[in-house]
N, C-alpha and C. Protein backbone atom coordinates (compact mmCIF):
# COMPACT_ATOMS: atom_id res chain seq x y z
N MET A 1 0.20 -1.36 -0.18
CA MET A 1 -0.11 -0.53 -0.37
C MET A 1 0.71 1.23 -0.30
N VAL A 2 0.55 2.72 -0.52
CA VAL A 2 1.82 3.19 -0.39
C VAL A 2 0.94 4.99 0.48
N ARG A 3 1.91 4.95 0.54
CA ARG A 3 1.91 5.98 2.28
C ARG A 3 2.49 7.22 1.26
N SER A 4 1.93 8.25 1.86
CA SER A 4 2.46 9.50 0.60
C SER A 4 2.56 11.03 2.37
N VAL A 5 2.61 11.83 1.03
CA VAL A 5 2.70 12.90 2.43
C VAL A 5 2.51 14.06 0.87
N GLU A 6 1.71 14.77 1.78
CA GLU A 6 0.13 15.67 0.84
C GLU A 6 0.81 17.06 1.28
N LEU A 7 1.05 18.39 0.11
CA LEU A 7 0.05 19.63 0.17
C LEU A 7 -1.12 19.42 0.30
N VAL A 8 -2.01 19.86 0.96
CA VAL A 8 -3.70 20.39 1.03
C VAL A 8 -4.00 21.85 0.76
N LEU A 9 -5.18 21.91 0.31
CA LEU A 9 -5.52 23.04 -0.52
C LEU A 9 -6.12 24.10 0.87
N ASP A 10 -6.64 25.42 0.89
CA ASP A 10 -7.65 25.37 1.75
C ASP A 10 -9.28 25.72 1.47
N PRO A 11 -10.56 26.00 2.07
CA PRO A 11 -11.19 25.99 1.65
C PRO A 11 -11.74 26.50 0.33
N GLY A 12 -10.93 27.76 0.05
CA GLY A 12 -12.23 28.21 -1.11
C GLY A 12 -11.08 27.35 -2.37
N SER A 13 -9.98 27.10 -2.53
CA SER A 13 -9.35 26.69 -3.22
C SER A 13 -9.98 25.20 -3.50
N ASP A 14 -10.31 24.61 -2.08
CA ASP A 14 -10.58 23.16 -1.97
C ASP A 14 -11.91 22.81 -2.82
N ALA A 15 -11.98 23.93 -2.88
CA ALA A 15 -14.46 24.09 -3.09
C ALA A 15 -13.71 23.94 -4.71
N ALA A 16 -12.24 25.12 -5.22
CA ALA A 16 -12.90 25.06 -7.05
C ALA A 16 -12.45 23.76 -7.25
N VAL A 17 -11.70 23.25 -6.88
CA VAL A 17 -11.03 22.15 -7.43
C VAL A 17 -12.68 20.85 -7.44
N ARG A 18 -13.18 20.81 -6.30
CA ARG A 18 -14.03 20.17 -6.27
C ARG A 18 -15.24 20.19 -7.12
N GLY A 19 -15.44 21.53 -7.15
CA GLY A 19 -16.14 22.19 -8.97
C GLY A 19 -15.38 21.68 -10.22
N ALA A 20 -15.14 21.12 -10.51
CA ALA A 20 -14.44 21.00 -11.97
C ALA A 20 -14.26 19.49 -11.37
N TRP A 21 -14.32 18.63 -10.03
CA TRP A 21 -14.49 17.45 -10.59
C TRP A 21 -15.87 17.20 -10.57
N ALA A 22 -16.78 18.25 -9.84
CA ALA A 22 -18.04 18.18 -10.10
C ALA A 22 -18.63 17.90 -11.26
N ALA A 23 -17.99 19.16 -11.60
CA ALA A 23 -18.39 19.36 -13.56
C ALA A 23 -17.72 18.10 -14.59
N LEU A 24 -17.22 17.31 -14.01
CA LEU A 24 -16.92 16.44 -15.05
C LEU A 24 -17.57 15.36 -14.89
N VAL A 25 -18.27 15.44 -13.88
CA VAL A 25 -19.19 14.22 -13.24
C VAL A 25 -20.48 14.48 -13.54
N ASP A 26 -21.15 15.73 -13.63
CA ASP A 26 -21.85 15.81 -14.31
C ASP A 26 -22.06 15.52 -15.93
N ALA A 27 -20.93 15.86 -16.60
CA ALA A 27 -20.81 15.77 -18.22
C ALA A 27 -20.80 13.80 -17.51
N ASP A 28 -20.79 13.15 -17.27
CA ASP A 28 -20.59 11.82 -16.76
C ASP A 28 -19.45 11.18 -17.30
N LEU A 29 -18.57 11.81 -17.17
CA LEU A 29 -16.40 11.65 -17.74
C LEU A 29 -15.98 11.49 -16.16
N PRO A 30 -15.02 10.47 -15.99
CA PRO A 30 -14.39 10.41 -14.97
C PRO A 30 -14.57 11.70 -14.47
N SER A 31 -14.09 11.63 -13.02
CA SER A 31 -13.93 11.83 -11.82
C SER A 31 -13.05 11.95 -10.55
N LEU A 32 -12.05 12.56 -10.01
CA LEU A 32 -12.14 12.00 -8.27
C LEU A 32 -13.55 12.54 -7.46
N GLY A 33 -14.15 13.17 -8.57
CA GLY A 33 -16.32 13.47 -7.67
C GLY A 33 -16.47 12.19 -7.59
N ARG A 34 -15.97 11.18 -7.83
CA ARG A 34 -16.91 10.05 -7.57
C ARG A 34 -16.19 9.33 -6.57
N HIS A 35 -14.89 9.36 -5.64
CA HIS A 35 -14.90 8.78 -5.04
C HIS A 35 -14.38 9.78 -4.22
N THR A 36 -16.13 9.24 -3.02
CA THR A 36 -16.59 9.34 -1.59
C THR A 36 -15.72 9.53 -1.11
N ALA A 37 -14.74 9.01 0.06
CA ALA A 37 -14.17 8.56 0.95
C ALA A 37 -13.57 10.16 1.71
N PRO A 38 -13.99 10.12 3.43
CA PRO A 38 -13.02 11.49 3.59
C PRO A 38 -11.89 12.23 3.58
N SER A 39 -10.79 11.12 3.03
CA SER A 39 -9.35 11.06 2.51
C SER A 39 -9.81 11.50 1.09
N ASN A 40 -10.88 11.49 0.76
CA ASN A 40 -9.99 11.87 -1.00
C ASN A 40 -10.68 13.52 -0.57
N ALA A 41 -9.37 14.42 -0.67
CA ALA A 41 -9.84 16.36 -1.41
C ALA A 41 -8.45 16.35 -2.47
N PRO A 42 -8.85 16.87 -2.33
CA PRO A 42 -7.45 17.93 -4.10
C PRO A 42 -6.78 18.23 -2.98
N HIS A 43 -4.90 17.34 -4.13
CA HIS A 43 -3.77 17.82 -3.08
C HIS A 43 -2.62 17.68 -3.94
N VAL A 44 -1.16 18.26 -3.63
CA VAL A 44 -0.65 17.18 -4.20
C VAL A 44 0.72 17.27 -3.53
N THR A 45 0.94 15.64 -4.50
CA THR A 45 1.47 14.93 -3.16
C THR A 45 2.60 15.02 -3.60
N LEU A 46 3.52 15.08 -1.97
CA LEU A 46 5.41 15.60 -1.74
C LEU A 46 6.27 14.59 -2.30
N VAL A 47 5.80 13.53 -1.65
CA VAL A 47 6.21 12.45 -1.88
C VAL A 47 5.59 11.05 -1.23
N ALA A 48 5.86 9.94 -2.01
CA ALA A 48 5.13 9.01 -1.72
C ALA A 48 5.91 7.33 -2.27
N GLY A 49 5.24 6.75 -1.86
CA GLY A 49 6.36 5.23 -1.37
C GLY A 49 5.53 4.32 -0.61
N THR A 50 6.69 2.54 -0.05
CA THR A 50 5.38 2.69 0.34
C THR A 50 5.69 2.14 1.95
N ASP A 51 7.06 3.07 2.76
CA ASP A 51 6.82 2.47 3.51
C ASP A 51 7.79 3.88 3.69
N LEU A 52 6.74 5.19 4.08
CA LEU A 52 7.10 6.27 4.51
C LEU A 52 6.75 6.84 6.02
N PRO A 53 7.63 7.09 6.35
CA PRO A 53 7.37 7.51 8.40
C PRO A 53 6.86 8.36 8.08
N VAL A 54 6.11 8.72 9.42
CA VAL A 54 5.06 10.39 9.49
C VAL A 54 6.14 10.76 10.51
N PRO A 55 6.28 12.29 9.81
CA PRO A 55 7.29 13.17 10.20
C PRO A 55 7.29 13.23 11.56
N ASP A 56 8.34 13.81 12.49
CA ASP A 56 7.88 14.61 13.86
C ASP A 56 7.41 15.93 13.69
N ALA A 57 8.21 17.00 12.43
CA ALA A 57 7.66 17.90 11.37
C ALA A 57 7.67 18.07 10.40
N VAL A 58 7.43 19.36 9.90
CA VAL A 58 7.80 19.48 8.24
C VAL A 58 7.77 21.42 8.19
N PRO A 59 8.53 21.56 7.75
CA PRO A 59 8.63 22.89 7.33
C PRO A 59 7.41 23.69 6.96
N GLU A 60 7.22 25.05 7.27
CA GLU A 60 6.54 25.90 6.79
C GLU A 60 6.18 25.21 5.44
N PRO A 61 5.16 26.00 5.36
CA PRO A 61 5.01 25.01 3.44
C PRO A 61 4.52 26.83 2.12
N PRO A 62 4.41 26.95 1.48
CA PRO A 62 4.40 27.68 0.57
C PRO A 62 3.24 28.15 0.91
N SER A 63 2.49 29.60 0.78
CA SER A 63 1.40 30.03 0.56
C SER A 63 -0.09 28.75 -0.78
N THR A 64 1.10 29.67 -1.30
CA THR A 64 0.51 30.22 -2.78
C THR A 64 1.02 28.33 -3.72
N LEU A 65 0.62 28.16 -4.54
CA LEU A 65 0.67 27.06 -5.87
C LEU A 65 0.08 27.55 -6.89
N ARG A 66 1.51 28.23 -8.33
CA ARG A 66 0.55 28.43 -8.90
C ARG A 66 0.00 27.77 -10.04
N LEU A 67 -0.67 27.42 -10.59
CA LEU A 67 -1.05 26.16 -11.54
C LEU A 67 -0.39 27.05 -13.14
N GLY A 68 0.06 24.98 -13.64
CA GLY A 68 0.33 25.24 -14.93
C GLY A 68 -0.34 25.26 -16.15
N GLY A 69 -0.74 24.43 -17.45
CA GLY A 69 -1.99 23.85 -17.78
C GLY A 69 -2.13 22.37 -18.42
N LEU A 70 -2.65 21.75 -18.57
CA LEU A 70 -3.53 20.67 -18.80
C LEU A 70 -2.39 19.27 -18.27
N LEU A 71 -2.14 18.40 -17.57
CA LEU A 71 -1.53 17.67 -17.91
C LEU A 71 -1.49 15.99 -18.28
N LEU A 72 -1.43 15.36 -18.99
CA LEU A 72 -1.54 14.10 -18.87
C LEU A 72 -0.45 12.46 -18.76
N PHE A 73 -0.77 12.05 -17.96
CA PHE A 73 0.12 11.38 -17.29
C PHE A 73 -0.35 9.28 -18.11
N PRO A 74 -0.10 8.36 -18.50
CA PRO A 74 -0.92 7.21 -18.83
C PRO A 74 -1.50 6.36 -17.90
N ALA A 75 -2.39 6.24 -18.28
CA ALA A 75 -3.40 5.64 -17.07
C ALA A 75 -3.92 4.08 -17.62
N GLY A 76 -2.28 3.07 -18.64
CA GLY A 76 -3.59 1.84 -19.27
C GLY A 76 -3.68 2.09 -20.21
N PRO A 77 -3.96 0.95 -21.67
CA PRO A 77 -3.56 1.58 -22.29
C PRO A 77 -5.25 2.36 -23.42
N GLY A 78 -5.71 2.89 -24.12
CA GLY A 78 -6.43 4.41 -24.22
C GLY A 78 -7.12 5.24 -23.24
N ARG A 79 -5.69 5.24 -21.62
CA ARG A 79 -6.80 5.54 -21.25
C ARG A 79 -5.52 6.70 -20.43
N SER A 80 -6.14 7.94 -19.97
CA SER A 80 -5.37 9.02 -19.21
C SER A 80 -5.17 9.22 -17.26
N VAL A 81 -4.48 9.84 -17.31
CA VAL A 81 -4.91 10.97 -15.63
C VAL A 81 -5.09 11.87 -16.73
N LEU A 82 -6.16 12.81 -16.05
CA LEU A 82 -5.74 13.76 -16.68
C LEU A 82 -6.12 15.16 -14.93
N ALA A 83 -4.33 16.46 -15.36
CA ALA A 83 -4.06 17.06 -14.09
C ALA A 83 -4.32 18.23 -14.93
N ARG A 84 -3.55 19.00 -13.72
CA ARG A 84 -3.24 20.45 -14.31
C ARG A 84 -2.01 21.10 -13.20
N ALA A 85 -1.14 21.01 -14.46
CA ALA A 85 0.39 20.95 -13.18
C ALA A 85 0.38 22.06 -12.26
N VAL A 86 1.35 21.92 -11.33
CA VAL A 86 1.89 23.21 -11.19
C VAL A 86 3.41 23.17 -11.03
N VAL A 87 3.74 24.37 -11.08
CA VAL A 87 4.56 25.01 -11.15
C VAL A 87 5.91 25.31 -10.10
N VAL A 88 6.40 24.79 -10.12
CA VAL A 88 7.75 24.19 -9.53
C VAL A 88 8.49 25.43 -9.51
N ASP A 89 8.13 26.69 -8.22
CA ASP A 89 9.04 27.92 -7.88
C ASP A 89 10.04 27.68 -6.75
N PRO A 90 10.40 28.42 -7.02
CA PRO A 90 12.23 28.42 -5.49
C PRO A 90 11.30 27.72 -4.16
N ASP A 91 10.38 28.48 -3.84
CA ASP A 91 9.70 28.00 -2.77
C ASP A 91 9.39 26.29 -2.57
N LEU A 92 8.29 26.80 -4.11
CA LEU A 92 8.23 25.11 -4.04
C LEU A 92 9.22 23.98 -3.69
N GLN A 93 10.10 24.05 -4.61
CA GLN A 93 11.02 23.37 -4.38
C GLN A 93 11.95 23.05 -3.53
N ALA A 94 12.33 24.57 -3.05
CA ALA A 94 13.19 24.25 -1.59
C ALA A 94 11.95 23.96 -0.58
N PHE A 95 11.24 23.30 -0.38
CA PHE A 95 9.74 22.74 0.30
C PHE A 95 9.84 21.74 -0.19
N HIS A 96 9.33 21.27 -0.94
CA HIS A 96 9.81 19.66 -1.80
C HIS A 96 10.97 18.95 -0.48
N SER A 97 12.49 20.11 -1.30
CA SER A 97 13.77 19.30 -0.66
C SER A 97 13.51 18.83 0.55
N ALA A 98 13.77 20.26 1.20
CA ALA A 98 12.92 18.89 3.09
C ALA A 98 12.26 18.59 3.89
N VAL A 99 10.95 18.69 2.72
CA VAL A 99 9.99 17.53 3.30
C VAL A 99 11.05 15.87 2.25
N HIS A 100 11.49 15.70 1.12
CA HIS A 100 12.30 14.14 0.95
C HIS A 100 13.27 14.50 2.09
N ARG A 101 14.39 15.15 2.93
CA ARG A 101 15.15 14.61 3.87
C ARG A 101 14.29 14.18 5.26
N LEU A 102 12.80 14.83 5.22
CA LEU A 102 13.03 13.97 6.49
C LEU A 102 11.52 13.14 6.26
N VAL A 103 11.25 12.92 5.60
CA VAL A 103 10.58 11.61 4.76
C VAL A 103 10.97 10.56 3.17
N PRO A 104 12.89 10.04 3.66
CA PRO A 104 13.41 9.76 2.45
C PRO A 104 12.21 8.71 2.66
N GLY A 105 12.83 7.56 0.73
CA GLY A 105 12.00 6.44 0.50
C GLY A 105 11.14 6.51 -0.35
N GLY A 106 11.26 8.09 -1.10
CA GLY A 106 9.96 8.00 -1.76
C GLY A 106 10.44 7.19 -2.84
N VAL A 107 8.99 6.91 -4.01
CA VAL A 107 9.23 6.58 -5.62
C VAL A 107 9.78 7.29 -6.17
N GLU A 108 10.75 7.05 -7.43
CA GLU A 108 11.88 7.62 -8.26
C GLU A 108 10.79 9.04 -8.56
N THR A 109 9.69 8.85 -9.03
CA THR A 109 8.77 10.40 -9.53
C THR A 109 8.90 11.32 -9.04
N SER A 110 8.77 10.78 -6.87
CA SER A 110 8.52 12.00 -6.36
C SER A 110 9.95 12.62 -6.00
N LEU A 111 10.52 11.89 -6.54
CA LEU A 111 11.62 12.74 -5.67
C LEU A 111 12.15 14.32 -6.55
N PRO A 112 12.89 14.66 -5.89
CA PRO A 112 13.61 15.85 -6.58
C PRO A 112 14.18 15.88 -7.89
N GLY A 113 13.83 16.56 -8.63
CA GLY A 113 14.90 16.61 -9.94
C GLY A 113 14.05 16.11 -10.74
N ALA A 114 12.59 14.70 -10.94
CA ALA A 114 11.64 14.28 -10.74
C ALA A 114 10.55 13.94 -10.69
N TRP A 115 10.21 15.39 -10.33
CA TRP A 115 8.47 15.44 -9.85
C TRP A 115 7.88 16.26 -10.13
N SER A 116 7.04 15.90 -10.77
CA SER A 116 6.08 16.92 -12.15
C SER A 116 5.16 17.25 -10.71
N PRO A 117 4.26 18.07 -10.07
CA PRO A 117 3.47 18.41 -9.15
C PRO A 117 2.35 18.63 -9.75
N HIS A 118 1.19 17.88 -9.59
CA HIS A 118 0.35 18.58 -10.52
C HIS A 118 -1.00 18.45 -9.52
N VAL A 119 -2.15 18.68 -10.03
CA VAL A 119 -3.97 18.18 -9.04
C VAL A 119 -4.60 17.33 -9.57
N THR A 120 -4.83 16.70 -9.08
CA THR A 120 -5.59 15.57 -10.27
C THR A 120 -7.17 15.89 -10.51
N PHE A 121 -7.65 15.77 -11.76
CA PHE A 121 -9.14 16.02 -12.39
C PHE A 121 -9.52 14.75 -11.77
N ALA A 122 -8.69 13.53 -13.10
CA ALA A 122 -9.07 12.35 -13.18
C ALA A 122 -8.65 11.26 -13.55
N ARG A 123 -9.15 10.22 -13.25
CA ARG A 123 -8.07 9.46 -13.56
C ARG A 123 -9.24 8.24 -14.78
N ARG A 124 -7.83 7.48 -16.07
CA ARG A 124 -8.53 6.76 -16.42
C ARG A 124 -9.34 6.94 -17.90
N VAL A 125 -9.54 8.50 -17.86
CA VAL A 125 -10.00 8.74 -18.62
C VAL A 125 -9.63 7.83 -20.54
N ARG A 126 -11.30 8.17 -20.77
CA ARG A 126 -10.91 7.15 -21.96
C ARG A 126 -10.70 8.45 -23.41
N ASP A 127 -9.52 8.56 -24.36
CA ASP A 127 -8.63 8.81 -24.38
C ASP A 127 -9.88 9.32 -25.80
N ALA A 128 -10.61 8.81 -26.31
CA ALA A 128 -12.13 9.36 -26.80
C ALA A 128 -12.54 10.75 -26.23
N ASP A 129 -12.45 10.55 -24.76
CA ASP A 129 -13.47 11.34 -24.13
C ASP A 129 -12.86 12.65 -23.33
N LEU A 130 -11.07 12.46 -23.91
CA LEU A 130 -10.15 13.88 -23.35
C LEU A 130 -10.20 15.39 -24.14
N GLY A 131 -11.60 15.12 -25.45
CA GLY A 131 -11.45 16.64 -25.57
C GLY A 131 -12.66 17.31 -24.92
N ARG A 132 -13.55 16.09 -24.96
CA ARG A 132 -14.76 16.34 -23.58
C ARG A 132 -14.94 16.66 -22.57
N ALA A 133 -13.44 16.34 -22.44
CA ALA A 133 -13.00 16.48 -20.52
C ALA A 133 -12.12 17.70 -20.87
N VAL A 134 -11.72 18.21 -21.66
CA VAL A 134 -11.69 19.30 -21.74
C VAL A 134 -11.90 20.14 -21.57
N ASP A 135 -12.79 20.15 -22.33
CA ASP A 135 -14.27 20.93 -22.61
C ASP A 135 -14.77 21.89 -21.13
N VAL A 136 -14.90 20.25 -20.94
CA VAL A 136 -15.40 20.55 -18.92
C VAL A 136 -15.25 22.47 -18.62
N LEU A 137 -13.71 21.72 -18.53
CA LEU A 137 -13.00 21.87 -17.84
C LEU A 137 -12.46 23.40 -17.25
N ARG A 138 -12.13 23.33 -19.32
CA ARG A 138 -12.95 25.35 -19.87
C ARG A 138 -13.72 26.24 -19.19
N ALA A 139 -15.17 25.24 -19.33
CA ALA A 139 -15.87 26.00 -18.67
C ALA A 139 -16.07 26.40 -17.25
N VAL A 140 -15.13 25.85 -16.17
CA VAL A 140 -15.11 25.80 -14.85
C VAL A 140 -13.51 26.25 -14.35
N PRO A 141 -13.09 27.57 -15.19
CA PRO A 141 -11.44 27.50 -14.55
C PRO A 141 -11.52 27.78 -13.67
N LEU A 142 -10.60 27.31 -12.74
CA LEU A 142 -9.87 27.56 -11.82
C LEU A 142 -8.28 28.85 -11.73
N PRO A 143 -8.21 29.24 -10.37
CA PRO A 143 -7.72 30.13 -10.16
C PRO A 143 -6.34 30.59 -11.01
N ASP A 144 -5.70 31.09 -11.00
CA ASP A 144 -4.12 31.05 -10.71
C ASP A 144 -3.00 30.44 -10.51
N ALA A 145 -3.89 30.29 -8.88
CA ALA A 145 -3.04 30.45 -7.68
C ALA A 145 -4.08 29.24 -7.06
N LEU A 146 -3.32 28.19 -6.01
CA LEU A 146 -4.13 27.93 -5.08
C LEU A 146 -3.61 27.87 -4.18
N ARG A 147 -4.43 28.06 -2.75
CA ARG A 147 -3.78 28.52 -1.15
C ARG A 147 -3.33 26.75 -1.22
N VAL A 148 -2.64 27.08 -0.62
CA VAL A 148 -2.79 25.99 0.36
C VAL A 148 -2.86 26.16 1.74
N GLY A 149 -3.55 24.89 2.31
CA GLY A 149 -4.09 24.93 3.91
C GLY A 149 -3.47 23.92 4.86
N GLY A 150 -2.21 23.49 4.10
CA GLY A 150 -1.95 22.10 4.96
C GLY A 150 -0.77 21.34 4.74
N VAL A 151 -0.42 20.30 5.93
CA VAL A 151 -0.04 19.00 4.56
C VAL A 151 -0.04 17.99 5.50
N ARG A 152 -0.45 16.99 5.04
CA ARG A 152 -0.95 15.64 6.04
C ARG A 152 0.16 14.23 4.73
N HIS A 153 -0.13 13.57 6.36
CA HIS A 153 0.59 12.25 6.06
C HIS A 153 -0.34 11.58 5.67
N TRP A 154 -0.91 10.14 4.37
CA TRP A 154 -2.16 9.81 4.29
C TRP A 154 -1.00 8.33 4.32
N ASP A 155 -2.30 7.13 5.18
CA ASP A 155 -1.41 5.64 5.00
C ASP A 155 -2.22 5.03 4.24
N GLY A 156 -1.49 4.45 3.15
CA GLY A 156 -3.27 3.39 2.51
C GLY A 156 -3.43 2.25 3.22
N GLU A 157 -2.54 2.07 4.16
CA GLU A 157 -2.83 0.19 4.50
C GLU A 157 -4.39 0.86 5.03
N THR A 158 -4.06 1.32 6.16
CA THR A 158 -4.67 2.08 7.78
C THR A 158 -5.54 2.30 7.19
N ALA A 159 -5.58 3.83 6.09
CA ALA A 159 -6.44 4.59 5.54
C ALA A 159 -6.40 5.29 6.28
N THR A 160 -5.36 5.92 7.47
CA THR A 160 -5.11 6.56 8.07
C THR A 160 -4.17 8.45 7.90
N LEU A 161 -5.61 9.39 8.12
CA LEU A 161 -4.65 10.34 7.16
C LEU A 161 -4.43 11.26 8.58
N THR A 162 -2.64 11.62 8.54
CA THR A 162 -1.94 12.57 9.63
C THR A 162 -2.12 14.07 9.82
N SER A 163 -2.69 14.99 9.67
CA SER A 163 -1.72 16.06 9.90
C SER A 163 -0.31 16.52 9.81
N LEU A 164 0.82 17.10 9.45
CA LEU A 164 1.22 17.99 9.75
C LEU A 164 1.00 19.49 10.39
N ARG A 165 0.56 19.58 9.38
CA ARG A 165 0.93 21.40 10.18
C ARG A 165 -0.44 22.31 9.44
């Protein structure tokens, strides 16, 4: 099972992302809005791995995350994860590196230099539906920057969330 350390959003930014999730659901498209577990919240993963400890403390995170363009990650034949890039500015880069010093053991794609921070909208979107999904997201634009609300540790084995800041 995966464990991760994640940035979560403040209530206004969280609501904006959930609005995009809801628009995808309303269009009968894949969306993280369909995942109703209390642990499901818009976030940016900082480090992920199978055996990540809960750190005693983390430094103060950046207050905002500037959004970039849409991203597609492979999700099996003919399917993609649809996400929005988060721009790695000097503050976010320094915070990310500090978290990795405190929580070693992340998978390669979460390591400094290989990390592609993002906010996910949907997993397993069929290639044939990507154009429609992009149109839906354009109709509910997000702000240029999202405000950070905190940092949490997720333990997928025990389904435990621990607030770190």
